[in-house]
Amino acid sequence: MSPRIDPRQMKRMMRQLGVQTEELEGVEEVRIITSEKEYVFKNPDVTMTIVQGQKTFQLIGEPEIVEREGAIPEEDIKLVMEQTGASYDEAKKALEDNDGEPAEAIIALMSK
């Protein structure tokens, strides 16, 4: 059986170690944007932790995942790779150069 630590003791110990935490109130939305997708968290719970001057954020919530416009779908890249033997980067570039059209990208790579 593990010993239970009183939450006040835990806060005191963390303060002694120089760790600060803060719940951010009133957060309406958090967006994480990657090259291909956008993760949108509506009304998440967000905690900021500061350790030795470095801030980290923890968020809790269910994201809505949205494909970004102009992003090339992974399945299209894989299709072009399979059909042409091109590398991931070559297939993606060919798709970008051909307006995301797999058939056009395949033809372009095959005609090199």
PDB file of N, CA and C in Angstrom:
ATOM      1  N   MET A   1       0.844  -1.178   0.000  1.00  0.00           N
ATOM      2  CA  MET A   1       0.000   0.000   0.000  1.00  0.00           C
ATOM      3  C   MET A   1       0.890   1.243   0.000  1.00  0.00           C
ATOM      4  N   SER A   2       0.663   2.132  -0.946  1.00  0.00           N
ATOM      5  CA  SER A   2       1.495   3.329  -1.043  1.00  0.00           C
ATOM      6  C   SER A   2       0.971   4.406  -0.090  1.00  0.00           C
ATOM      7  N   PRO A   3       1.888   5.201   0.483  1.00  0.00           N
ATOM      8  CA  PRO A   3       1.458   6.247   1.412  1.00  0.00           C
ATOM      9  C   PRO A   3       0.755   7.376   0.656  1.00  0.00           C
ATOM     10  N   ARG A   4      -0.287   7.918   1.269  1.00  0.00           N
ATOM     11  CA  ARG A   4      -1.015   9.037   0.666  1.00  0.00           C
ATOM     12  C   ARG A   4      -0.337  10.330   1.075  1.00  0.00           C
ATOM     13  N   ILE A   5      -0.182  11.227   0.123  1.00  0.00           N
ATOM     14  CA  ILE A   5       0.436  12.518   0.401  1.00  0.00           C
ATOM     15  C   ILE A   5      -0.660  13.565   0.425  1.00  0.00           C
ATOM     16  N   ASP A   6      -0.629  14.337   1.468  1.00  0.00           N
ATOM     17  CA  ASP A   6      -1.585  15.431   1.611  1.00  0.00           C
ATOM     18  C   ASP A   6      -1.337  16.452   0.505  1.00  0.00           C
ATOM     19  N   PRO A   7      -2.388  16.930  -0.197  1.00  0.00           N
ATOM     20  CA  PRO A   7      -2.196  17.918  -1.276  1.00  0.00           C
ATOM     21  C   PRO A   7      -1.445  19.163  -0.816  1.00  0.00           C
ATOM     22  N   ARG A   8      -1.653  19.604   0.428  1.00  0.00           N
ATOM     23  CA  ARG A   8      -0.920  20.778   0.933  1.00  0.00           C
ATOM     24  C   ARG A   8       0.563  20.469   1.053  1.00  0.00           C
ATOM     25  N   GLN A   9       0.881  19.255   1.527  1.00  0.00           N
ATOM     26  CA  GLN A   9       2.283  18.846   1.618  1.00  0.00           C
ATOM     27  C   GLN A   9       2.921  18.805   0.235  1.00  0.00           C
ATOM     28  N   MET A  10       2.176  18.295  -0.739  1.00  0.00           N
ATOM     29  CA  MET A  10       2.681  18.202  -2.100  1.00  0.00           C
ATOM     30  C   MET A  10       2.988  19.599  -2.645  1.00  0.00           C
ATOM     31  N   LYS A  11       2.084  20.562  -2.446  1.00  0.00           N
ATOM     32  CA  LYS A  11       2.320  21.928  -2.911  1.00  0.00           C
ATOM     33  C   LYS A  11       3.544  22.534  -2.237  1.00  0.00           C
ATOM     34  N   ARG A  12       3.681  22.295  -0.938  1.00  0.00           N
ATOM     35  CA  ARG A  12       4.816  22.826  -0.189  1.00  0.00           C
ATOM     36  C   ARG A  12       6.117  22.221  -0.723  1.00  0.00           C
ATOM     37  N   MET A  13       6.132  20.922  -0.966  1.00  0.00           N
ATOM     38  CA  MET A  13       7.327  20.253  -1.489  1.00  0.00           C
ATOM     39  C   MET A  13       7.674  20.787  -2.883  1.00  0.00           C
ATOM     40  N   MET A  14       6.662  20.977  -3.722  1.00  0.00           N
ATOM     41  CA  MET A  14       6.904  21.488  -5.068  1.00  0.00           C
ATOM     42  C   MET A  14       7.456  22.913  -5.017  1.00  0.00           C
ATOM     43  N   ARG A  15       6.919  23.729  -4.106  1.00  0.00           N
ATOM     44  CA  ARG A  15       7.419  25.100  -3.946  1.00  0.00           C
ATOM     45  C   ARG A  15       8.881  25.078  -3.518  1.00  0.00           C
ATOM     46  N   GLN A  16       9.239  24.178  -2.608  1.00  0.00           N
ATOM     47  CA  GLN A  16      10.613  24.065  -2.152  1.00  0.00           C
ATOM     48  C   GLN A  16      11.554  23.663  -3.287  1.00  0.00           C
ATOM     49  N   LEU A  17      11.037  22.894  -4.238  1.00  0.00           N
ATOM     50  CA  LEU A  17      11.839  22.468  -5.384  1.00  0.00           C
ATOM     51  C   LEU A  17      11.829  23.500  -6.504  1.00  0.00           C
ATOM     52  N   GLY A  18      11.106  24.596  -6.317  1.00  0.00           N
ATOM     53  CA  GLY A  18      11.052  25.647  -7.331  1.00  0.00           C
ATOM     54  C   GLY A  18      10.074  25.380  -8.446  1.00  0.00           C
ATOM     55  N   VAL A  19       9.093  24.526  -8.180  1.00  0.00           N
ATOM     56  CA  VAL A  19       8.084  24.194  -9.182  1.00  0.00           C
ATOM     57  C   VAL A  19       6.816  24.967  -8.857  1.00  0.00           C
ATOM     58  N   GLN A  20       6.326  25.722  -9.847  1.00  0.00           N
ATOM     59  CA  GLN A  20       5.085  26.473  -9.668  1.00  0.00           C
ATOM     60  C   GLN A  20       4.055  25.949 -10.666  1.00  0.00           C
ATOM     61  N   THR A  21       2.814  25.823 -10.231  1.00  0.00           N
ATOM     62  CA  THR A  21       1.744  25.448 -11.149  1.00  0.00           C
ATOM     63  C   THR A  21       0.623  26.465 -11.032  1.00  0.00           C
ATOM     64  N   GLU A  22      -0.047  26.655 -12.152  1.00  0.00           N
ATOM     65  CA  GLU A  22      -1.142  27.618 -12.181  1.00  0.00           C
ATOM     66  C   GLU A  22      -2.205  27.115 -13.148  1.00  0.00           C
ATOM     67  N   GLU A  23      -3.447  27.038 -12.674  1.00  0.00           N
ATOM     68  CA  GLU A  23      -4.570  26.710 -13.548  1.00  0.00           C
ATOM     69  C   GLU A  23      -4.933  27.966 -14.319  1.00  0.00           C
ATOM     70  N   LEU A  24      -4.994  27.895 -15.632  1.00  0.00           N
ATOM     71  CA  LEU A  24      -5.386  29.047 -16.436  1.00  0.00           C
ATOM     72  C   LEU A  24      -6.911  29.049 -16.530  1.00  0.00           C
ATOM     73  N   GLU A  25      -7.508  30.113 -16.061  1.00  0.00           N
ATOM     74  CA  GLU A  25      -8.971  30.211 -16.028  1.00  0.00           C
ATOM     75  C   GLU A  25      -9.496  30.849 -17.309  1.00  0.00           C
ATOM     76  N   GLY A  26     -10.681  30.461 -17.707  1.00  0.00           N
ATOM     77  CA  GLY A  26     -11.367  31.097 -18.829  1.00  0.00           C
ATOM     78  C   GLY A  26     -10.800  30.783 -20.197  1.00  0.00           C
ATOM     79  N   VAL A  27     -10.051  29.695 -20.338  1.00  0.00           N
ATOM     80  CA  VAL A  27      -9.492  29.343 -21.645  1.00  0.00           C
ATOM     81  C   VAL A  27     -10.649  28.891 -22.543  1.00  0.00           C
ATOM     82  N   GLU A  28     -10.815  29.570 -23.658  1.00  0.00           N
ATOM     83  CA  GLU A  28     -11.907  29.260 -24.574  1.00  0.00           C
ATOM     84  C   GLU A  28     -11.502  28.280 -25.663  1.00  0.00           C
ATOM     85  N   GLU A  29     -10.243  28.382 -26.118  1.00  0.00           N
ATOM     86  CA  GLU A  29      -9.822  27.536 -27.227  1.00  0.00           C
ATOM     87  C   GLU A  29      -8.303  27.446 -27.276  1.00  0.00           C
ATOM     88  N   VAL A  30      -7.813  26.253 -27.645  1.00  0.00           N
ATOM     89  CA  VAL A  30      -6.389  26.047 -27.892  1.00  0.00           C
ATOM     90  C   VAL A  30      -6.279  25.369 -29.253  1.00  0.00           C
ATOM     91  N   ARG A  31      -5.384  25.880 -30.098  1.00  0.00           N
ATOM     92  CA  ARG A  31      -5.158  25.304 -31.424  1.00  0.00           C
ATOM     93  C   ARG A  31      -3.714  24.836 -31.538  1.00  0.00           C
ATOM     94  N   ILE A  32      -3.557  23.625 -32.022  1.00  0.00           N
ATOM     95  CA  ILE A  32      -2.235  23.105 -32.353  1.00  0.00           C
ATOM     96  C   ILE A  32      -2.264  22.891 -33.861  1.00  0.00           C
ATOM     97  N   ILE A  33      -1.381  23.596 -34.554  1.00  0.00           N
ATOM     98  CA  ILE A  33      -1.382  23.564 -36.011  1.00  0.00           C
ATOM     99  C   ILE A  33      -0.114  22.879 -36.488  1.00  0.00           C
ATOM    100  N   THR A  34      -0.294  21.800 -37.239  1.00  0.00           N
ATOM    101  CA  THR A  34       0.826  21.111 -37.862  1.00  0.00           C
ATOM    102  C   THR A  34       0.757  21.383 -39.361  1.00  0.00           C
ATOM    103  N   SER A  35       1.683  20.851 -40.103  1.00  0.00           N
ATOM    104  CA  SER A  35       1.692  21.098 -41.547  1.00  0.00           C
ATOM    105  C   SER A  35       0.487  20.465 -42.241  1.00  0.00           C
ATOM    106  N   GLU A  36      -0.125  19.463 -41.622  1.00  0.00           N
ATOM    107  CA  GLU A  36      -1.219  18.768 -42.280  1.00  0.00           C
ATOM    108  C   GLU A  36      -2.551  18.857 -41.557  1.00  0.00           C
ATOM    109  N   LYS A  37      -2.519  19.032 -40.225  1.00  0.00           N
ATOM    110  CA  LYS A  37      -3.761  19.009 -39.455  1.00  0.00           C
ATOM    111  C   LYS A  37      -3.800  20.147 -38.453  1.00  0.00           C
ATOM    112  N   GLU A  38      -5.000  20.425 -38.006  1.00  0.00           N
ATOM    113  CA  GLU A  38      -5.209  21.404 -36.958  1.00  0.00           C
ATOM    114  C   GLU A  38      -5.999  20.704 -35.856  1.00  0.00           C
ATOM    115  N   TYR A  39      -5.511  20.800 -34.621  1.00  0.00           N
ATOM    116  CA  TYR A  39      -6.182  20.212 -33.468  1.00  0.00           C
ATOM    117  C   TYR A  39      -6.800  21.369 -32.697  1.00  0.00           C
ATOM    118  N   VAL A  40      -8.129  21.381 -32.602  1.00  0.00           N
ATOM    119  CA  VAL A  40      -8.833  22.484 -31.960  1.00  0.00           C
ATOM    120  C   VAL A  40      -9.488  21.956 -30.681  1.00  0.00           C
ATOM    121  N   PHE A  41      -9.053  22.488 -29.541  1.00  0.00           N
ATOM    122  CA  PHE A  41      -9.604  22.123 -28.244  1.00  0.00           C
ATOM    123  C   PHE A  41     -10.524  23.253 -27.790  1.00  0.00           C
ATOM    124  N   LYS A  42     -11.803  22.981 -27.627  1.00  0.00           N
ATOM    125  CA  LYS A  42     -12.764  23.974 -27.149  1.00  0.00           C
ATOM    126  C   LYS A  42     -12.904  23.816 -25.634  1.00  0.00           C
ATOM    127  N   ASN A  43     -12.770  24.914 -24.907  1.00  0.00           N
ATOM    128  CA  ASN A  43     -12.922  24.955 -23.449  1.00  0.00           C
ATOM    129  C   ASN A  43     -12.090  23.896 -22.718  1.00  0.00           C
ATOM    130  N   PRO A  44     -10.790  23.801 -23.021  1.00  0.00           N
ATOM    131  CA  PRO A  44      -9.959  22.804 -22.339  1.00  0.00           C
ATOM    132  C   PRO A  44      -9.566  23.270 -20.936  1.00  0.00           C
ATOM    133  N   ASP A  45      -9.170  22.317 -20.125  1.00  0.00           N
ATOM    134  CA  ASP A  45      -8.552  22.633 -18.838  1.00  0.00           C
ATOM    135  C   ASP A  45      -7.061  22.763 -19.115  1.00  0.00           C
ATOM    136  N   VAL A  46      -6.480  23.908 -18.754  1.00  0.00           N
ATOM    137  CA  VAL A  46      -5.062  24.150 -19.040  1.00  0.00           C
ATOM    138  C   VAL A  46      -4.327  24.479 -17.745  1.00  0.00           C
ATOM    139  N   THR A  47      -3.206  23.796 -17.534  1.00  0.00           N
ATOM    140  CA  THR A  47      -2.352  24.038 -16.379  1.00  0.00           C
ATOM    141  C   THR A  47      -0.968  24.430 -16.883  1.00  0.00           C
ATOM    142  N   MET A  48      -0.437  25.520 -16.321  1.00  0.00           N
ATOM    143  CA  MET A  48       0.911  25.952 -16.657  1.00  0.00           C
ATOM    144  C   MET A  48       1.823  25.569 -15.487  1.00  0.00           C
ATOM    145  N   THR A  49       2.948  24.956 -15.815  1.00  0.00           N
ATOM    146  CA  THR A  49       3.940  24.573 -14.814  1.00  0.00           C
ATOM    147  C   THR A  49       5.241  25.292 -15.147  1.00  0.00           C
ATOM    148  N   ILE A  50       5.840  25.902 -14.131  1.00  0.00           N
ATOM    149  CA  ILE A  50       7.109  26.596 -14.321  1.00  0.00           C
ATOM    150  C   ILE A  50       8.169  25.888 -13.484  1.00  0.00           C
ATOM    151  N   VAL A  51       9.198  25.394 -14.170  1.00  0.00           N
ATOM    152  CA  VAL A  51      10.316  24.721 -13.513  1.00  0.00           C
ATOM    153  C   VAL A  51      11.592  25.357 -14.038  1.00  0.00           C
ATOM    154  N   GLN A  52      12.362  25.962 -13.141  1.00  0.00           N
ATOM    155  CA  GLN A  52      13.619  26.621 -13.482  1.00  0.00           C
ATOM    156  C   GLN A  52      13.438  27.590 -14.662  1.00  0.00           C
ATOM    157  N   GLY A  53      12.368  28.339 -14.630  1.00  0.00           N
ATOM    158  CA  GLY A  53      12.113  29.351 -15.651  1.00  0.00           C
ATOM    159  C   GLY A  53      11.491  28.840 -16.936  1.00  0.00           C
ATOM    160  N   GLN A  54      11.409  27.530 -17.100  1.00  0.00           N
ATOM    161  CA  GLN A  54      10.807  26.941 -18.293  1.00  0.00           C
ATOM    162  C   GLN A  54       9.324  26.709 -18.048  1.00  0.00           C
ATOM    163  N   LYS A  55       8.486  27.187 -18.974  1.00  0.00           N
ATOM    164  CA  LYS A  55       7.043  27.003 -18.852  1.00  0.00           C
ATOM    165  C   LYS A  55       6.605  25.829 -19.721  1.00  0.00           C
ATOM    166  N   THR A  56       5.813  24.957 -19.129  1.00  0.00           N
ATOM    167  CA  THR A  56       5.178  23.886 -19.893  1.00  0.00           C
ATOM    168  C   THR A  56       3.682  23.973 -19.643  1.00  0.00           C
ATOM    169  N   PHE A  57       2.918  23.550 -20.640  1.00  0.00           N
ATOM    170  CA  PHE A  57       1.470  23.614 -20.545  1.00  0.00           C
ATOM    171  C   PHE A  57       0.895  22.224 -20.730  1.00  0.00           C
ATOM    172  N   GLN A  58      -0.065  21.905 -19.879  1.00  0.00           N
ATOM    173  CA  GLN A  58      -0.782  20.638 -19.995  1.00  0.00           C
ATOM    174  C   GLN A  58      -2.229  20.990 -20.278  1.00  0.00           C
ATOM    175  N   LEU A  59      -2.799  20.358 -21.311  1.00  0.00           N
ATOM    176  CA  LEU A  59      -4.203  20.627 -21.574  1.00  0.00           C
ATOM    177  C   LEU A  59      -4.977  19.331 -21.608  1.00  0.00           C
ATOM    178  N   ILE A  60      -6.197  19.436 -21.104  1.00  0.00           N
ATOM    179  CA  ILE A  60      -7.083  18.290 -21.041  1.00  0.00           C
ATOM    180  C   ILE A  60      -8.351  18.654 -21.787  1.00  0.00           C
ATOM    181  N   GLY A  61      -8.712  17.836 -22.747  1.00  0.00           N
ATOM    182  CA  GLY A  61      -9.906  18.070 -23.536  1.00  0.00           C
ATOM    183  C   GLY A  61      -9.880  17.192 -24.769  1.00  0.00           C
ATOM    184  N   GLU A  62     -10.988  17.148 -25.461  1.00  0.00           N
ATOM    185  CA  GLU A  62     -11.104  16.339 -26.671  1.00  0.00           C
ATOM    186  C   GLU A  62     -10.974  17.246 -27.886  1.00  0.00           C
ATOM    187  N   PRO A  63      -9.964  17.016 -28.741  1.00  0.00           N
ATOM    188  CA  PRO A  63      -9.783  17.914 -29.877  1.00  0.00           C
ATOM    189  C   PRO A  63     -10.701  17.566 -31.050  1.00  0.00           C
ATOM    190  N   GLU A  64     -11.024  18.591 -31.812  1.00  0.00           N
ATOM    191  CA  GLU A  64     -11.622  18.396 -33.127  1.00  0.00           C
ATOM    192  C   GLU A  64     -10.429  18.440 -34.073  1.00  0.00           C
ATOM    193  N   ILE A  65     -10.281  17.426 -34.908  1.00  0.00           N
ATOM    194  CA  ILE A  65      -9.137  17.353 -35.808  1.00  0.00           C
ATOM    195  C   ILE A  65      -9.605  17.730 -37.212  1.00  0.00           C
ATOM    196  N   VAL A  66      -8.957  18.737 -37.770  1.00  0.00           N
ATOM    197  CA  VAL A  66      -9.337  19.262 -39.069  1.00  0.00           C
ATOM    198  C   VAL A  66      -8.146  19.173 -40.011  1.00  0.00           C
ATOM    199  N   GLU A  67      -8.370  18.629 -41.214  1.00  0.00           N
ATOM    200  CA  GLU A  67      -7.318  18.623 -42.234  1.00  0.00           C
ATOM    201  C   GLU A  67      -7.111  20.061 -42.691  1.00  0.00           C
ATOM    202  N   ARG A  68      -5.880  20.464 -42.828  1.00  0.00           N
ATOM    203  CA  ARG A  68      -5.588  21.825 -43.290  1.00  0.00           C
ATOM    204  C   ARG A  68      -5.731  21.899 -44.795  1.00  0.00           C
ATOM    205  N   GLU A  69      -6.259  23.017 -45.257  1.00  0.00           N
ATOM    206  CA  GLU A  69      -6.387  23.227 -46.697  1.00  0.00           C
ATOM    207  C   GLU A  69      -5.008  23.254 -47.311  1.00  0.00           C
ATOM    208  N   GLY A  70      -4.897  22.628 -48.441  1.00  0.00           N
ATOM    209  CA  GLY A  70      -3.617  22.592 -49.128  1.00  0.00           C
ATOM    210  C   GLY A  70      -2.716  21.470 -48.655  1.00  0.00           C
ATOM    211  N   ALA A  71      -3.115  20.793 -47.594  1.00  0.00           N
ATOM    212  CA  ALA A  71      -2.303  19.684 -47.103  1.00  0.00           C
ATOM    213  C   ALA A  71      -2.515  18.478 -48.008  1.00  0.00           C
ATOM    214  N   ILE A  72      -1.469  17.753 -48.264  1.00  0.00           N
ATOM    215  CA  ILE A  72      -1.538  16.562 -49.099  1.00  0.00           C
ATOM    216  C   ILE A  72      -1.878  15.367 -48.200  1.00  0.00           C
ATOM    217  N   PRO A  73      -2.971  14.649 -48.479  1.00  0.00           N
ATOM    218  CA  PRO A  73      -3.329  13.482 -47.660  1.00  0.00           C
ATOM    219  C   PRO A  73      -2.245  12.400 -47.715  1.00  0.00           C
ATOM    220  N   GLU A  74      -2.005  11.790 -46.580  1.00  0.00           N
ATOM    221  CA  GLU A  74      -0.982  10.740 -46.478  1.00  0.00           C
ATOM    222  C   GLU A  74      -1.256   9.597 -47.449  1.00  0.00           C
ATOM    223  N   GLU A  75      -2.536   9.240 -47.612  1.00  0.00           N
ATOM    224  CA  GLU A  75      -2.848   8.115 -48.502  1.00  0.00           C
ATOM    225  C   GLU A  75      -2.479   8.431 -49.954  1.00  0.00           C
ATOM    226  N   ASP A  76      -2.571   9.708 -50.362  1.00  0.00           N
ATOM    227  CA  ASP A  76      -2.159  10.089 -51.713  1.00  0.00           C
ATOM    228  C   ASP A  76      -0.637   9.973 -51.866  1.00  0.00           C
ATOM    229  N   ILE A  77       0.079  10.383 -50.846  1.00  0.00           N
ATOM    230  CA  ILE A  77       1.544  10.283 -50.884  1.00  0.00           C
ATOM    231  C   ILE A  77       1.952   8.819 -50.987  1.00  0.00           C
ATOM    232  N   LYS A  78       1.322   7.959 -50.184  1.00  0.00           N
ATOM    233  CA  LYS A  78       1.638   6.527 -50.211  1.00  0.00           C
ATOM    234  C   LYS A  78       1.321   5.915 -51.567  1.00  0.00           C
ATOM    235  N   LEU A  79       0.200   6.320 -52.171  1.00  0.00           N
ATOM    236  CA  LEU A  79      -0.178   5.807 -53.485  1.00  0.00           C
ATOM    237  C   LEU A  79       0.883   6.159 -54.530  1.00  0.00           C
ATOM    238  N   VAL A  80       1.303   7.414 -54.533  1.00  0.00           N
ATOM    239  CA  VAL A  80       2.318   7.856 -55.499  1.00  0.00           C
ATOM    240  C   VAL A  80       3.634   7.109 -55.252  1.00  0.00           C
ATOM    241  N   MET A  81       3.995   6.908 -53.988  1.00  0.00           N
ATOM    242  CA  MET A  81       5.217   6.166 -53.665  1.00  0.00           C
ATOM    243  C   MET A  81       5.138   4.733 -54.196  1.00  0.00           C
ATOM    244  N   GLU A  82       4.000   4.080 -53.952  1.00  0.00           N
ATOM    245  CA  GLU A  82       3.834   2.689 -54.382  1.00  0.00           C
ATOM    246  C   GLU A  82       3.882   2.554 -55.900  1.00  0.00           C
ATOM    247  N   GLN A  83       3.257   3.486 -56.591  1.00  0.00           N
ATOM    248  CA  GLN A  83       3.162   3.403 -58.043  1.00  0.00           C
ATOM    249  C   GLN A  83       4.459   3.769 -58.756  1.00  0.00           C
ATOM    250  N   THR A  84       5.279   4.593 -58.110  1.00  0.00           N
ATOM    251  CA  THR A  84       6.472   5.100 -58.794  1.00  0.00           C
ATOM    252  C   THR A  84       7.790   4.657 -58.174  1.00  0.00           C
ATOM    253  N   GLY A  85       7.747   4.185 -56.937  1.00  0.00           N
ATOM    254  CA  GLY A  85       8.986   3.841 -56.239  1.00  0.00           C
ATOM    255  C   GLY A  85       9.713   5.066 -55.708  1.00  0.00           C
ATOM    256  N   ALA A  86       9.039   6.211 -55.736  1.00  0.00           N
ATOM    257  CA  ALA A  86       9.644   7.458 -55.255  1.00  0.00           C
ATOM    258  C   ALA A  86       9.709   7.458 -53.734  1.00  0.00           C
ATOM    259  N   SER A  87      10.595   8.286 -53.205  1.00  0.00           N
ATOM    260  CA  SER A  87      10.681   8.459 -51.752  1.00  0.00           C
ATOM    261  C   SER A  87       9.488   9.298 -51.283  1.00  0.00           C
ATOM    262  N   TYR A  88       9.305   9.344 -49.981  1.00  0.00           N
ATOM    263  CA  TYR A  88       8.213  10.133 -49.400  1.00  0.00           C
ATOM    264  C   TYR A  88       8.304  11.588 -49.855  1.00  0.00           C
ATOM    265  N   ASP A  89       9.480  12.183 -49.718  1.00  0.00           N
ATOM    266  CA  ASP A  89       9.658  13.594 -50.079  1.00  0.00           C
ATOM    267  C   ASP A  89       9.439  13.840 -51.563  1.00  0.00           C
ATOM    268  N   GLU A  90       9.912  12.914 -52.401  1.00  0.00           N
ATOM    269  CA  GLU A  90       9.716  13.065 -53.854  1.00  0.00           C
ATOM    270  C   GLU A  90       8.229  12.988 -54.208  1.00  0.00           C
ATOM    271  N   ALA A  91       7.522  12.036 -53.602  1.00  0.00           N
ATOM    272  CA  ALA A  91       6.093  11.871 -53.884  1.00  0.00           C
ATOM    273  C   ALA A  91       5.308  13.098 -53.423  1.00  0.00           C
ATOM    274  N   LYS A  92       5.635  13.594 -52.237  1.00  0.00           N
ATOM    275  CA  LYS A  92       4.937  14.772 -51.718  1.00  0.00           C
ATOM    276  C   LYS A  92       5.193  15.985 -52.600  1.00  0.00           C
ATOM    277  N   LYS A  93       6.434  16.178 -53.021  1.00  0.00           N
ATOM    278  CA  LYS A  93       6.780  17.317 -53.884  1.00  0.00           C
ATOM    279  C   LYS A  93       6.049  17.213 -55.222  1.00  0.00           C
ATOM    280  N   ALA A  94       5.995  16.003 -55.784  1.00  0.00           N
ATOM    281  CA  ALA A  94       5.293  15.814 -57.056  1.00  0.00           C
ATOM    282  C   ALA A  94       3.814  16.141 -56.904  1.00  0.00           C
ATOM    283  N   LEU A  95       3.216  15.754 -55.800  1.00  0.00           N
ATOM    284  CA  LEU A  95       1.803  16.079 -55.548  1.00  0.00           C
ATOM    285  C   LEU A  95       1.614  17.585 -55.403  1.00  0.00           C
ATOM    286  N   GLU A  96       2.513  18.218 -54.680  1.00  0.00           N
ATOM    287  CA  GLU A  96       2.425  19.672 -54.513  1.00  0.00           C
ATOM    288  C   GLU A  96       2.568  20.388 -55.852  1.00  0.00           C
ATOM    289  N   ASP A  97       3.474  19.903 -56.681  1.00  0.00           N
ATOM    290  CA  ASP A  97       3.707  20.515 -57.988  1.00  0.00           C
ATOM    291  C   ASP A  97       2.547  20.294 -58.957  1.00  0.00           C
ATOM    292  N   ASN A  98       1.712  19.287 -58.666  1.00  0.00           N
ATOM    293  CA  ASN A  98       0.603  18.934 -59.556  1.00  0.00           C
ATOM    294  C   ASN A  98      -0.747  19.111 -58.878  1.00  0.00           C
ATOM    295  N   ASP A  99      -0.852  20.152 -58.061  1.00  0.00           N
ATOM    296  CA  ASP A  99      -2.116  20.533 -57.407  1.00  0.00           C
ATOM    297  C   ASP A  99      -2.781  19.401 -56.636  1.00  0.00           C
ATOM    298  N   GLY A 100      -1.976  18.508 -56.051  1.00  0.00           N
ATOM    299  CA  GLY A 100      -2.509  17.435 -55.227  1.00  0.00           C
ATOM    300  C   GLY A 100      -3.161  16.313 -56.006  1.00  0.00           C
ATOM    301  N   GLU A 101      -2.980  16.270 -57.319  1.00  0.00           N
ATOM    302  CA  GLU A 101      -3.581  15.234 -58.165  1.00  0.00           C
ATOM    303  C   GLU A 101      -2.646  14.029 -58.256  1.00  0.00           C
ATOM    304  N   PRO A 102      -3.025  12.888 -57.653  1.00  0.00           N
ATOM    305  CA  PRO A 102      -2.142  11.718 -57.672  1.00  0.00           C
ATOM    306  C   PRO A 102      -1.790  11.239 -59.078  1.00  0.00           C
ATOM    307  N   ALA A 103      -2.767  11.199 -59.986  1.00  0.00           N
ATOM    308  CA  ALA A 103      -2.486  10.707 -61.346  1.00  0.00           C
ATOM    309  C   ALA A 103      -1.455  11.590 -62.033  1.00  0.00           C
ATOM    310  N   GLU A 104      -1.600  12.894 -61.892  1.00  0.00           N
ATOM    311  CA  GLU A 104      -0.652  13.822 -62.512  1.00  0.00           C
ATOM    312  C   GLU A 104       0.738  13.682 -61.895  1.00  0.00           C
ATOM    313  N   ALA A 105       0.774  13.498 -60.573  1.00  0.00           N
ATOM    314  CA  ALA A 105       2.058  13.337 -59.887  1.00  0.00           C
ATOM    315  C   ALA A 105       2.756  12.062 -60.347  1.00  0.00           C
ATOM    316  N   ILE A 106       1.979  10.985 -60.513  1.00  0.00           N
ATOM    317  CA  ILE A 106       2.549   9.710 -60.971  1.00  0.00           C
ATOM    318  C   ILE A 106       3.118   9.864 -62.380  1.00  0.00           C
ATOM    319  N   ILE A 107       2.347  10.512 -63.255  1.00  0.00           N
ATOM    320  CA  ILE A 107       2.816  10.720 -64.635  1.00  0.00           C
ATOM    321  C   ILE A 107       4.093  11.553 -64.642  1.00  0.00           C
ATOM    322  N   ALA A 108       4.108  12.610 -63.829  1.00  0.00           N
ATOM    323  CA  ALA A 108       5.299  13.475 -63.775  1.00  0.00           C
ATOM    324  C   ALA A 108       6.525  12.711 -63.311  1.00  0.00           C
ATOM    325  N   LEU A 109       6.365  11.885 -62.294  1.00  0.00           N
ATOM    326  CA  LEU A 109       7.513  11.122 -61.782  1.00  0.00           C
ATOM    327  C   LEU A 109       7.946  10.036 -62.762  1.00  0.00           C
ATOM    328  N   MET A 110       6.990   9.413 -63.448  1.00  0.00           N
ATOM    329  CA  MET A 110       7.309   8.326 -64.390  1.00  0.00           C
ATOM    330  C   MET A 110       7.988   8.870 -65.650  1.00  0.00           C
ATOM    331  N   SER A 111       7.730  10.139 -65.962  1.00  0.00           N
ATOM    332  CA  SER A 111       8.306  10.695 -67.185  1.00  0.00           C
ATOM    333  C   SER A 111       9.695  11.299 -66.972  1.00  0.00           C
ATOM    334  N   LYS A 112      10.217  11.188 -65.762  1.00  0.00           N
ATOM    335  CA  LYS A 112      11.577  11.722 -65.491  1.00  0.00           C
ATOM    336  C   LYS A 112      12.627  10.825 -66.078  1.00  0.00           C
TER     337      LYS A 112
END
